[in-house]
Amino acid sequence: EGEAMAAEEPEVQAENVEPVQKVLPKFNIPVLKVIIEAQGLHGLRYGDYQRYRQYCARKMRRLRKALNFLHWEQGKGKSKFIQKKIDADMINDVRYLYIVLNKAE
């Protein structure tokens, strides 16, 4: 009787199983406030575009270094440039969004 009961159970088909979607964390950054504050403090108030560009480059470097998201790969004696892209799957810290914001600026 046990075998007959097991045979009557419906089989689960792979087509009916929905894929499990990864829940991504939500981050909120005040974009306009961050941009206006940075521009006012670092040169654009006086039209000093070079100073602001240098600030953005330094900030980008600090963010990438803090997240260990550098483009350079150390090899034997010589470093090699490898372009890294930020995907939605890899964002687990709000600082990745600041990299994207700073890159757009």
PDB file of N, CA and C in Angstrom:
ATOM      1  N   GLU A   1       0.823  -1.199   0.000  1.00  0.00           N
ATOM      2  CA  GLU A   1       0.000   0.000   0.000  1.00  0.00           C
ATOM      3  C   GLU A   1       0.863   1.257   0.000  1.00  0.00           C
ATOM      4  N   GLY A   2       2.018   1.256   0.669  1.00  0.00           N
ATOM      5  CA  GLY A   2       2.906   2.403   0.745  1.00  0.00           C
ATOM      6  C   GLY A   2       3.437   2.794  -0.614  1.00  0.00           C
ATOM      7  N   GLU A   3       3.715   1.777  -1.438  1.00  0.00           N
ATOM      8  CA  GLU A   3       4.217   2.063  -2.775  1.00  0.00           C
ATOM      9  C   GLU A   3       3.130   2.657  -3.647  1.00  0.00           C
ATOM     10  N   ALA A   4       1.898   2.231  -3.451  1.00  0.00           N
ATOM     11  CA  ALA A   4       0.787   2.742  -4.250  1.00  0.00           C
ATOM     12  C   ALA A   4       0.517   4.203  -3.909  1.00  0.00           C
ATOM     13  N   MET A   5       0.659   4.589  -2.649  1.00  0.00           N
ATOM     14  CA  MET A   5       0.450   5.982  -2.234  1.00  0.00           C
ATOM     15  C   MET A   5       1.533   6.882  -2.806  1.00  0.00           C
ATOM     16  N   ALA A   6       2.768   6.401  -2.793  1.00  0.00           N
ATOM     17  CA  ALA A   6       3.880   7.192  -3.307  1.00  0.00           C
ATOM     18  C   ALA A   6       3.739   7.412  -4.803  1.00  0.00           C
ATOM     19  N   ALA A   7       3.159   6.463  -5.512  1.00  0.00           N
ATOM     20  CA  ALA A   7       3.000   6.583  -6.957  1.00  0.00           C
ATOM     21  C   ALA A   7       1.925   7.599  -7.307  1.00  0.00           C
ATOM     22  N   GLU A   8       0.957   7.817  -6.435  1.00  0.00           N
ATOM     23  CA  GLU A   8      -0.143   8.733  -6.718  1.00  0.00           C
ATOM     24  C   GLU A   8       0.210  10.195  -6.483  1.00  0.00           C
ATOM     25  N   GLU A   9       1.309  10.470  -5.775  1.00  0.00           N
ATOM     26  CA  GLU A   9       1.697  11.857  -5.509  1.00  0.00           C
ATOM     27  C   GLU A   9       2.140  12.527  -6.805  1.00  0.00           C
ATOM     28  N   PRO A  10       1.711  13.773  -7.017  1.00  0.00           N
ATOM     29  CA  PRO A  10       2.107  14.450  -8.257  1.00  0.00           C
ATOM     30  C   PRO A  10       3.601  14.788  -8.234  1.00  0.00           C
ATOM     31  N   GLU A  11       4.210  14.650  -9.396  1.00  0.00           N
ATOM     32  CA  GLU A  11       5.630  14.963  -9.507  1.00  0.00           C
ATOM     33  C   GLU A  11       5.795  16.459  -9.755  1.00  0.00           C
ATOM     34  N   VAL A  12       6.841  17.013  -9.163  1.00  0.00           N
ATOM     35  CA  VAL A  12       7.129  18.433  -9.355  1.00  0.00           C
ATOM     36  C   VAL A  12       7.936  18.574 -10.640  1.00  0.00           C
ATOM     37  N   GLN A  13       7.438  19.390 -11.538  1.00  0.00           N
ATOM     38  CA  GLN A  13       8.134  19.602 -12.801  1.00  0.00           C
ATOM     39  C   GLN A  13       8.967  20.859 -12.693  1.00  0.00           C
ATOM     40  N   ALA A  14      10.087  20.869 -13.366  1.00  0.00           N
ATOM     41  CA  ALA A  14      11.002  22.008 -13.324  1.00  0.00           C
ATOM     42  C   ALA A  14      10.387  23.241 -13.981  1.00  0.00           C
ATOM     43  N   GLU A  15       9.441  23.041 -14.889  1.00  0.00           N
ATOM     44  CA  GLU A  15       8.821  24.167 -15.588  1.00  0.00           C
ATOM     45  C   GLU A  15       7.933  24.998 -14.663  1.00  0.00           C
ATOM     46  N   ASN A  16       7.328  24.360 -13.666  1.00  0.00           N
ATOM     47  CA  ASN A  16       6.403  25.045 -12.776  1.00  0.00           C
ATOM     48  C   ASN A  16       7.107  25.759 -11.625  1.00  0.00           C
ATOM     49  N   VAL A  17       8.358  25.470 -11.384  1.00  0.00           N
ATOM     50  CA  VAL A  17       9.093  26.066 -10.277  1.00  0.00           C
ATOM     51  C   VAL A  17       9.588  27.448 -10.702  1.00  0.00           C
ATOM     52  N   GLU A  18       9.241  28.451  -9.909  1.00  0.00           N
ATOM     53  CA  GLU A  18       9.664  29.814 -10.218  1.00  0.00           C
ATOM     54  C   GLU A  18      11.080  30.026  -9.689  1.00  0.00           C
ATOM     55  N   PRO A  19      11.922  30.727 -10.451  1.00  0.00           N
ATOM     56  CA  PRO A  19      13.288  30.975  -9.961  1.00  0.00           C
ATOM     57  C   PRO A  19      13.268  31.913  -8.759  1.00  0.00           C
ATOM     58  N   VAL A  20      14.144  31.657  -7.830  1.00  0.00           N
ATOM     59  CA  VAL A  20      14.240  32.481  -6.632  1.00  0.00           C
ATOM     60  C   VAL A  20      14.991  33.764  -6.997  1.00  0.00           C
ATOM     61  N   GLN A  21      14.365  34.890  -6.744  1.00  0.00           N
ATOM     62  CA  GLN A  21      14.985  36.169  -7.054  1.00  0.00           C
ATOM     63  C   GLN A  21      15.716  36.675  -5.820  1.00  0.00           C
ATOM     64  N   LYS A  22      16.916  37.167  -6.060  1.00  0.00           N
ATOM     65  CA  LYS A  22      17.725  37.692  -4.968  1.00  0.00           C
ATOM     66  C   LYS A  22      17.175  39.060  -4.567  1.00  0.00           C
ATOM     67  N   VAL A  23      16.959  39.248  -3.280  1.00  0.00           N
ATOM     68  CA  VAL A  23      16.463  40.522  -2.774  1.00  0.00           C
ATOM     69  C   VAL A  23      17.651  41.461  -2.607  1.00  0.00           C
ATOM     70  N   LEU A  24      17.630  42.560  -3.346  1.00  0.00           N
ATOM     71  CA  LEU A  24      18.726  43.524  -3.287  1.00  0.00           C
ATOM     72  C   LEU A  24      18.434  44.572  -2.221  1.00  0.00           C
ATOM     73  N   PRO A  25      19.443  45.004  -1.495  1.00  0.00           N
ATOM     74  CA  PRO A  25      19.222  46.036  -0.483  1.00  0.00           C
ATOM     75  C   PRO A  25      18.918  47.374  -1.148  1.00  0.00           C
ATOM     76  N   LYS A  26      18.151  48.191  -0.451  1.00  0.00           N
ATOM     77  CA  LYS A  26      17.804  49.513  -0.967  1.00  0.00           C
ATOM     78  C   LYS A  26      18.617  50.565  -0.236  1.00  0.00           C
ATOM     79  N   PHE A  27      19.181  51.481  -1.022  1.00  0.00           N
ATOM     80  CA  PHE A  27      19.972  52.558  -0.456  1.00  0.00           C
ATOM     81  C   PHE A  27      19.358  53.881  -0.889  1.00  0.00           C
ATOM     82  N   ASN A  28      19.522  54.879  -0.050  1.00  0.00           N
ATOM     83  CA  ASN A  28      18.974  56.191  -0.332  1.00  0.00           C
ATOM     84  C   ASN A  28      20.078  57.222  -0.116  1.00  0.00           C
ATOM     85  N   ILE A  29      20.388  57.990  -1.170  1.00  0.00           N
ATOM     86  CA  ILE A  29      21.383  59.050  -1.024  1.00  0.00           C
ATOM     87  C   ILE A  29      20.778  60.368  -1.512  1.00  0.00           C
ATOM     88  N   PRO A  30      21.027  61.449  -0.804  1.00  0.00           N
ATOM     89  CA  PRO A  30      20.507  62.766  -1.216  1.00  0.00           C
ATOM     90  C   PRO A  30      21.395  63.353  -2.317  1.00  0.00           C
ATOM     91  N   VAL A  31      21.094  63.035  -3.567  1.00  0.00           N
ATOM     92  CA  VAL A  31      21.965  63.356  -4.693  1.00  0.00           C
ATOM     93  C   VAL A  31      22.193  64.860  -4.832  1.00  0.00           C
ATOM     94  N   LEU A  32      21.125  65.627  -4.892  1.00  0.00           N
ATOM     95  CA  LEU A  32      21.265  67.069  -5.121  1.00  0.00           C
ATOM     96  C   LEU A  32      22.045  67.743  -3.991  1.00  0.00           C
ATOM     97  N   LYS A  33      21.748  67.361  -2.756  1.00  0.00           N
ATOM     98  CA  LYS A  33      22.441  67.953  -1.607  1.00  0.00           C
ATOM     99  C   LYS A  33      23.940  67.646  -1.653  1.00  0.00           C
ATOM    100  N   VAL A  34      24.289  66.413  -1.972  1.00  0.00           N
ATOM    101  CA  VAL A  34      25.700  66.008  -2.020  1.00  0.00           C
ATOM    102  C   VAL A  34      26.434  66.781  -3.111  1.00  0.00           C
ATOM    103  N   ILE A  35      25.826  66.903  -4.280  1.00  0.00           N
ATOM    104  CA  ILE A  35      26.481  67.579  -5.410  1.00  0.00           C
ATOM    105  C   ILE A  35      26.653  69.073  -5.141  1.00  0.00           C
ATOM    106  N   ILE A  36      25.602  69.732  -4.692  1.00  0.00           N
ATOM    107  CA  ILE A  36      25.672  71.178  -4.449  1.00  0.00           C
ATOM    108  C   ILE A  36      26.679  71.494  -3.352  1.00  0.00           C
ATOM    109  N   GLU A  37      26.695  70.679  -2.300  1.00  0.00           N
ATOM    110  CA  GLU A  37      27.639  70.903  -1.206  1.00  0.00           C
ATOM    111  C   GLU A  37      29.082  70.732  -1.688  1.00  0.00           C
ATOM    112  N   ALA A  38      29.343  69.680  -2.466  1.00  0.00           N
ATOM    113  CA  ALA A  38      30.700  69.432  -2.958  1.00  0.00           C
ATOM    114  C   ALA A  38      31.140  70.530  -3.919  1.00  0.00           C
ATOM    115  N   GLN A  39      30.253  70.953  -4.800  1.00  0.00           N
ATOM    116  CA  GLN A  39      30.602  72.002  -5.756  1.00  0.00           C
ATOM    117  C   GLN A  39      30.899  73.314  -5.049  1.00  0.00           C
ATOM    118  N   GLY A  40      30.128  73.635  -4.026  1.00  0.00           N
ATOM    119  CA  GLY A  40      30.339  74.881  -3.295  1.00  0.00           C
ATOM    120  C   GLY A  40      31.626  74.897  -2.492  1.00  0.00           C
ATOM    121  N   LEU A  41      31.992  73.757  -1.946  1.00  0.00           N
ATOM    122  CA  LEU A  41      33.177  73.699  -1.087  1.00  0.00           C
ATOM    123  C   LEU A  41      34.483  73.511  -1.840  1.00  0.00           C
ATOM    124  N   HIS A  42      34.427  73.000  -3.073  1.00  0.00           N
ATOM    125  CA  HIS A  42      35.660  72.586  -3.737  1.00  0.00           C
ATOM    126  C   HIS A  42      35.907  73.268  -5.075  1.00  0.00           C
ATOM    127  N   GLY A  43      35.552  74.533  -5.193  1.00  0.00           N
ATOM    128  CA  GLY A  43      36.036  75.297  -6.332  1.00  0.00           C
ATOM    129  C   GLY A  43      35.002  75.843  -7.291  1.00  0.00           C
ATOM    130  N   LEU A  44      33.846  75.216  -7.442  1.00  0.00           N
ATOM    131  CA  LEU A  44      32.907  75.700  -8.447  1.00  0.00           C
ATOM    132  C   LEU A  44      32.196  76.985  -8.031  1.00  0.00           C
ATOM    133  N   ARG A  45      32.238  77.322  -6.763  1.00  0.00           N
ATOM    134  CA  ARG A  45      31.666  78.594  -6.316  1.00  0.00           C
ATOM    135  C   ARG A  45      32.384  79.755  -7.003  1.00  0.00           C
ATOM    136  N   TYR A  46      33.672  79.562  -7.243  1.00  0.00           N
ATOM    137  CA  TYR A  46      34.487  80.614  -7.861  1.00  0.00           C
ATOM    138  C   TYR A  46      34.834  80.307  -9.316  1.00  0.00           C
ATOM    139  N   GLY A  47      34.225  79.268  -9.871  1.00  0.00           N
ATOM    140  CA  GLY A  47      34.488  78.915 -11.260  1.00  0.00           C
ATOM    141  C   GLY A  47      35.813  78.204 -11.466  1.00  0.00           C
ATOM    142  N   ASP A  48      36.366  77.620 -10.412  1.00  0.00           N
ATOM    143  CA  ASP A  48      37.649  76.924 -10.495  1.00  0.00           C
ATOM    144  C   ASP A  48      37.385  75.445 -10.823  1.00  0.00           C
ATOM    145  N   TYR A  49      37.248  75.159 -12.120  1.00  0.00           N
ATOM    146  CA  TYR A  49      36.878  73.819 -12.558  1.00  0.00           C
ATOM    147  C   TYR A  49      38.009  72.814 -12.351  1.00  0.00           C
ATOM    148  N   GLN A  50      39.243  73.255 -12.472  1.00  0.00           N
ATOM    149  CA  GLN A  50      40.367  72.345 -12.286  1.00  0.00           C
ATOM    150  C   GLN A  50      40.419  71.850 -10.851  1.00  0.00           C
ATOM    151  N   ARG A  51      40.195  72.735  -9.894  1.00  0.00           N
ATOM    152  CA  ARG A  51      40.208  72.339  -8.487  1.00  0.00           C
ATOM    153  C   ARG A  51      39.091  71.333  -8.195  1.00  0.00           C
ATOM    154  N   TYR A  52      37.918  71.554  -8.776  1.00  0.00           N
ATOM    155  CA  TYR A  52      36.794  70.632  -8.560  1.00  0.00           C
ATOM    156  C   TYR A  52      37.070  69.274  -9.219  1.00  0.00           C
ATOM    157  N   ARG A  53      37.669  69.278 -10.411  1.00  0.00           N
ATOM    158  CA  ARG A  53      37.999  68.039 -11.100  1.00  0.00           C
ATOM    159  C   ARG A  53      38.993  67.236 -10.280  1.00  0.00           C
ATOM    160  N   GLN A  54      39.993  67.919  -9.704  1.00  0.00           N
ATOM    161  CA  GLN A  54      40.977  67.237  -8.870  1.00  0.00           C
ATOM    162  C   GLN A  54      40.338  66.667  -7.610  1.00  0.00           C
ATOM    163  N   TYR A  55      39.394  67.405  -7.025  1.00  0.00           N
ATOM    164  CA  TYR A  55      38.677  66.912  -5.858  1.00  0.00           C
ATOM    165  C   TYR A  55      37.903  65.640  -6.205  1.00  0.00           C
ATOM    166  N   CYS A  56      37.212  65.656  -7.351  1.00  0.00           N
ATOM    167  CA  CYS A  56      36.438  64.477  -7.756  1.00  0.00           C
ATOM    168  C   CYS A  56      37.345  63.270  -7.980  1.00  0.00           C
ATOM    169  N   ALA A  57      38.499  63.485  -8.580  1.00  0.00           N
ATOM    170  CA  ALA A  57      39.442  62.387  -8.813  1.00  0.00           C
ATOM    171  C   ALA A  57      39.951  61.821  -7.493  1.00  0.00           C
ATOM    172  N   ARG A  58      40.269  62.692  -6.538  1.00  0.00           N
ATOM    173  CA  ARG A  58      40.747  62.220  -5.229  1.00  0.00           C
ATOM    174  C   ARG A  58      39.659  61.458  -4.486  1.00  0.00           C
ATOM    175  N   LYS A  59      38.441  61.970  -4.543  1.00  0.00           N
ATOM    176  CA  LYS A  59      37.322  61.319  -3.864  1.00  0.00           C
ATOM    177  C   LYS A  59      37.046  59.942  -4.469  1.00  0.00           C
ATOM    178  N   MET A  60      37.098  59.859  -5.798  1.00  0.00           N
ATOM    179  CA  MET A  60      36.882  58.584  -6.479  1.00  0.00           C
ATOM    180  C   MET A  60      37.960  57.576  -6.056  1.00  0.00           C
ATOM    181  N   ARG A  61      39.197  58.024  -5.973  1.00  0.00           N
ATOM    182  CA  ARG A  61      40.293  57.159  -5.572  1.00  0.00           C
ATOM    183  C   ARG A  61      40.099  56.662  -4.136  1.00  0.00           C
ATOM    184  N   ARG A  62      39.702  57.572  -3.234  1.00  0.00           N
ATOM    185  CA  ARG A  62      39.475  57.178  -1.834  1.00  0.00           C
ATOM    186  C   ARG A  62      38.343  56.160  -1.718  1.00  0.00           C
ATOM    187  N   LEU A  63      37.251  56.383  -2.452  1.00  0.00           N
ATOM    188  CA  LEU A  63      36.117  55.450  -2.404  1.00  0.00           C
ATOM    189  C   LEU A  63      36.519  54.072  -2.934  1.00  0.00           C
ATOM    190  N   ARG A  64      37.188  54.053  -4.079  1.00  0.00           N
ATOM    191  CA  ARG A  64      37.598  52.774  -4.662  1.00  0.00           C
ATOM    192  C   ARG A  64      38.571  52.030  -3.749  1.00  0.00           C
ATOM    193  N   LYS A  65      39.470  52.756  -3.119  1.00  0.00           N
ATOM    194  CA  LYS A  65      40.445  52.118  -2.235  1.00  0.00           C
ATOM    195  C   LYS A  65      39.764  51.576  -0.978  1.00  0.00           C
ATOM    196  N   ALA A  66      38.814  52.321  -0.425  1.00  0.00           N
ATOM    197  CA  ALA A  66      38.106  51.884   0.783  1.00  0.00           C
ATOM    198  C   ALA A  66      37.271  50.629   0.514  1.00  0.00           C
ATOM    199  N   LEU A  67      36.738  50.508  -0.700  1.00  0.00           N
ATOM    200  CA  LEU A  67      35.924  49.345  -1.052  1.00  0.00           C
ATOM    201  C   LEU A  67      36.745  48.216  -1.660  1.00  0.00           C
ATOM    202  N   ASN A  68      38.049  48.429  -1.799  1.00  0.00           N
ATOM    203  CA  ASN A  68      38.932  47.464  -2.449  1.00  0.00           C
ATOM    204  C   ASN A  68      38.414  47.139  -3.854  1.00  0.00           C
ATOM    205  N   PHE A  69      38.089  48.186  -4.587  1.00  0.00           N
ATOM    206  CA  PHE A  69      37.508  48.078  -5.928  1.00  0.00           C
ATOM    207  C   PHE A  69      38.411  48.820  -6.915  1.00  0.00           C
ATOM    208  N   LEU A  70      39.690  48.533  -6.852  1.00  0.00           N
ATOM    209  CA  LEU A  70      40.667  49.221  -7.685  1.00  0.00           C
ATOM    210  C   LEU A  70      40.751  48.571  -9.053  1.00  0.00           C
ATOM    211  N   HIS A  71      41.130  49.382 -10.048  1.00  0.00           N
ATOM    212  CA  HIS A  71      41.262  48.878 -11.411  1.00  0.00           C
ATOM    213  C   HIS A  71      42.603  48.205 -11.645  1.00  0.00           C
ATOM    214  N   TRP A  72      43.551  48.398 -10.753  1.00  0.00           N
ATOM    215  CA  TRP A  72      44.901  47.896 -10.981  1.00  0.00           C
ATOM    216  C   TRP A  72      45.083  46.551 -10.330  1.00  0.00           C
ATOM    217  N   GLU A  73      45.684  45.642 -11.065  1.00  0.00           N
ATOM    218  CA  GLU A  73      45.985  44.324 -10.537  1.00  0.00           C
ATOM    219  C   GLU A  73      47.491  44.185 -10.458  1.00  0.00           C
ATOM    220  N   GLN A  74      47.988  43.862  -9.285  1.00  0.00           N
ATOM    221  CA  GLN A  74      49.431  43.743  -9.094  1.00  0.00           C
ATOM    222  C   GLN A  74      49.917  42.414  -9.661  1.00  0.00           C
ATOM    223  N   GLY A  75      50.952  42.501 -10.431  1.00  0.00           N
ATOM    224  CA  GLY A  75      51.566  41.307 -10.984  1.00  0.00           C
ATOM    225  C   GLY A  75      53.020  41.251 -10.570  1.00  0.00           C
ATOM    226  N   LYS A  76      53.796  40.521 -11.292  1.00  0.00           N
ATOM    227  CA  LYS A  76      55.225  40.445 -11.004  1.00  0.00           C
ATOM    228  C   LYS A  76      55.906  41.681 -11.555  1.00  0.00           C
ATOM    229  N   GLY A  77      56.199  42.620 -10.697  1.00  0.00           N
ATOM    230  CA  GLY A  77      56.940  43.808 -11.096  1.00  0.00           C
ATOM    231  C   GLY A  77      56.119  44.898 -11.755  1.00  0.00           C
ATOM    232  N   LYS A  78      55.076  44.548 -12.495  1.00  0.00           N
ATOM    233  CA  LYS A  78      54.332  45.557 -13.239  1.00  0.00           C
ATOM    234  C   LYS A  78      52.844  45.435 -12.947  1.00  0.00           C
ATOM    235  N   SER A  79      52.181  46.571 -12.772  1.00  0.00           N
ATOM    236  CA  SER A  79      50.743  46.575 -12.552  1.00  0.00           C
ATOM    237  C   SER A  79      50.031  46.490 -13.892  1.00  0.00           C
ATOM    238  N   LYS A  80      48.820  45.970 -13.865  1.00  0.00           N
ATOM    239  CA  LYS A  80      48.045  45.833 -15.093  1.00  0.00           C
ATOM    240  C   LYS A  80      46.668  46.446 -14.865  1.00  0.00           C
ATOM    241  N   PHE A  81      46.219  47.276 -15.813  1.00  0.00           N
ATOM    242  CA  PHE A  81      44.917  47.917 -15.711  1.00  0.00           C
ATOM    243  C   PHE A  81      43.833  46.954 -16.174  1.00  0.00           C
ATOM    244  N   ILE A  82      42.824  46.749 -15.332  1.00  0.00           N
ATOM    245  CA  ILE A  82      41.673  45.928 -15.692  1.00  0.00           C
ATOM    246  C   ILE A  82      40.424  46.728 -15.342  1.00  0.00           C
ATOM    247  N   GLN A  83      39.616  47.052 -16.346  1.00  0.00           N
ATOM    248  CA  GLN A  83      38.399  47.839 -16.134  1.00  0.00           C
ATOM    249  C   GLN A  83      37.384  47.016 -15.353  1.00  0.00           C
ATOM    250  N   LYS A  84      36.861  47.575 -14.274  1.00  0.00           N
ATOM    251  CA  LYS A  84      35.833  46.911 -13.483  1.00  0.00           C
ATOM    252  C   LYS A  84      34.548  47.720 -13.584  1.00  0.00           C
ATOM    253  N   LYS A  85      33.444  47.039 -13.728  1.00  0.00           N
ATOM    254  CA  LYS A  85      32.145  47.695 -13.827  1.00  0.00           C
ATOM    255  C   LYS A  85      31.325  47.373 -12.585  1.00  0.00           C
ATOM    256  N   ILE A  86      30.469  48.303 -12.223  1.00  0.00           N
ATOM    257  CA  ILE A  86      29.603  48.120 -11.059  1.00  0.00           C
ATOM    258  C   ILE A  86      28.265  47.589 -11.539  1.00  0.00           C
ATOM    259  N   ASP A  87      27.889  46.400 -11.066  1.00  0.00           N
ATOM    260  CA  ASP A  87      26.609  45.791 -11.397  1.00  0.00           C
ATOM    261  C   ASP A  87      25.683  45.898 -10.189  1.00  0.00           C
ATOM    262  N   ALA A  88      24.396  45.748 -10.437  1.00  0.00           N
ATOM    263  CA  ALA A  88      23.416  45.823  -9.352  1.00  0.00           C
ATOM    264  C   ALA A  88      23.619  44.682  -8.357  1.00  0.00           C
ATOM    265  N   ASP A  89      24.117  43.543  -8.823  1.00  0.00           N
ATOM    266  CA  ASP A  89      24.299  42.392  -7.937  1.00  0.00           C
ATOM    267  C   ASP A  89      25.413  42.599  -6.923  1.00  0.00           C
ATOM    268  N   MET A  90      26.407  43.402  -7.268  1.00  0.00           N
ATOM    269  CA  MET A  90      27.552  43.556  -6.386  1.00  0.00           C
ATOM    270  C   MET A  90      27.400  44.693  -5.382  1.00  0.00           C
ATOM    271  N   ILE A  91      26.356  45.488  -5.490  1.00  0.00           N
ATOM    272  CA  ILE A  91      26.186  46.627  -4.590  1.00  0.00           C
ATOM    273  C   ILE A  91      25.672  46.137  -3.245  1.00  0.00           C
ATOM    274  N   ASN A  92      26.547  46.169  -2.263  1.00  0.00           N
ATOM    275  CA  ASN A  92      26.159  45.799  -0.899  1.00  0.00           C
ATOM    276  C   ASN A  92      26.508  46.912   0.084  1.00  0.00           C
ATOM    277  N   ASP A  93      26.959  48.048  -0.458  1.00  0.00           N
ATOM    278  CA  ASP A  93      27.350  49.186   0.353  1.00  0.00           C
ATOM    279  C   ASP A  93      26.951  50.454  -0.399  1.00  0.00           C
ATOM    280  N   VAL A  94      26.512  51.466   0.325  1.00  0.00           N
ATOM    281  CA  VAL A  94      26.062  52.705  -0.301  1.00  0.00           C
ATOM    282  C   VAL A  94      27.214  53.430  -0.994  1.00  0.00           C
ATOM    283  N   ARG A  95      28.443  53.133  -0.617  1.00  0.00           N
ATOM    284  CA  ARG A  95      29.596  53.812  -1.224  1.00  0.00           C
ATOM    285  C   ARG A  95      29.754  53.471  -2.697  1.00  0.00           C
ATOM    286  N   TYR A  96      29.241  52.316  -3.136  1.00  0.00           N
ATOM    287  CA  TYR A  96      29.263  52.000  -4.566  1.00  0.00           C
ATOM    288  C   TYR A  96      28.411  53.007  -5.342  1.00  0.00           C
ATOM    289  N   LEU A  97      27.313  53.443  -4.758  1.00  0.00           N
ATOM    290  CA  LEU A  97      26.470  54.447  -5.413  1.00  0.00           C
ATOM    291  C   LEU A  97      27.161  55.802  -5.455  1.00  0.00           C
ATOM    292  N   TYR A  98      27.954  56.099  -4.439  1.00  0.00           N
ATOM    293  CA  TYR A  98      28.719  57.347  -4.462  1.00  0.00           C
ATOM    294  C   TYR A  98      29.788  57.309  -5.554  1.00  0.00           C
ATOM    295  N   ILE A  99      30.330  56.144  -5.854  1.00  0.00           N
ATOM    296  CA  ILE A  99      31.275  56.026  -6.971  1.00  0.00           C
ATOM    297  C   ILE A  99      30.577  56.374  -8.281  1.00  0.00           C
ATOM    298  N   VAL A 100      29.386  55.829  -8.485  1.00  0.00           N
ATOM    299  CA  VAL A 100      28.623  56.099  -9.707  1.00  0.00           C
ATOM    300  C   VAL A 100      28.258  57.577  -9.785  1.00  0.00           C
ATOM    301  N   LEU A 101      27.835  58.150  -8.669  1.00  0.00           N
ATOM    302  CA  LEU A 101      27.480  59.574  -8.637  1.00  0.00           C
ATOM    303  C   LEU A 101      28.685  60.446  -8.947  1.00  0.00           C
ATOM    304  N   ASN A 102      29.813  60.127  -8.343  1.00  0.00           N
ATOM    305  CA  ASN A 102      31.021  60.902  -8.555  1.00  0.00           C
ATOM    306  C   ASN A 102      31.524  60.764  -9.991  1.00  0.00           C
ATOM    307  N   LYS A 103      31.364  59.598 -10.580  1.00  0.00           N
ATOM    308  CA  LYS A 103      31.764  59.373 -11.957  1.00  0.00           C
ATOM    309  C   LYS A 103      30.908  60.210 -12.907  1.00  0.00           C
ATOM    310  N   ALA A 104      29.631  60.342 -12.608  1.00  0.00           N
ATOM    311  CA  ALA A 104      28.742  61.165 -13.434  1.00  0.00           C
ATOM    312  C   ALA A 104      29.049  62.641 -13.295  1.00  0.00           C
ATOM    313  N   GLU A 105      29.558  63.025 -12.155  1.00  0.00           N
ATOM    314  CA  GLU A 105      29.880  64.435 -11.899  1.00  0.00           C
ATOM    315  C   GLU A 105      31.141  64.798 -12.628  1.00  0.00           C
TER     316      GLU A 105
END
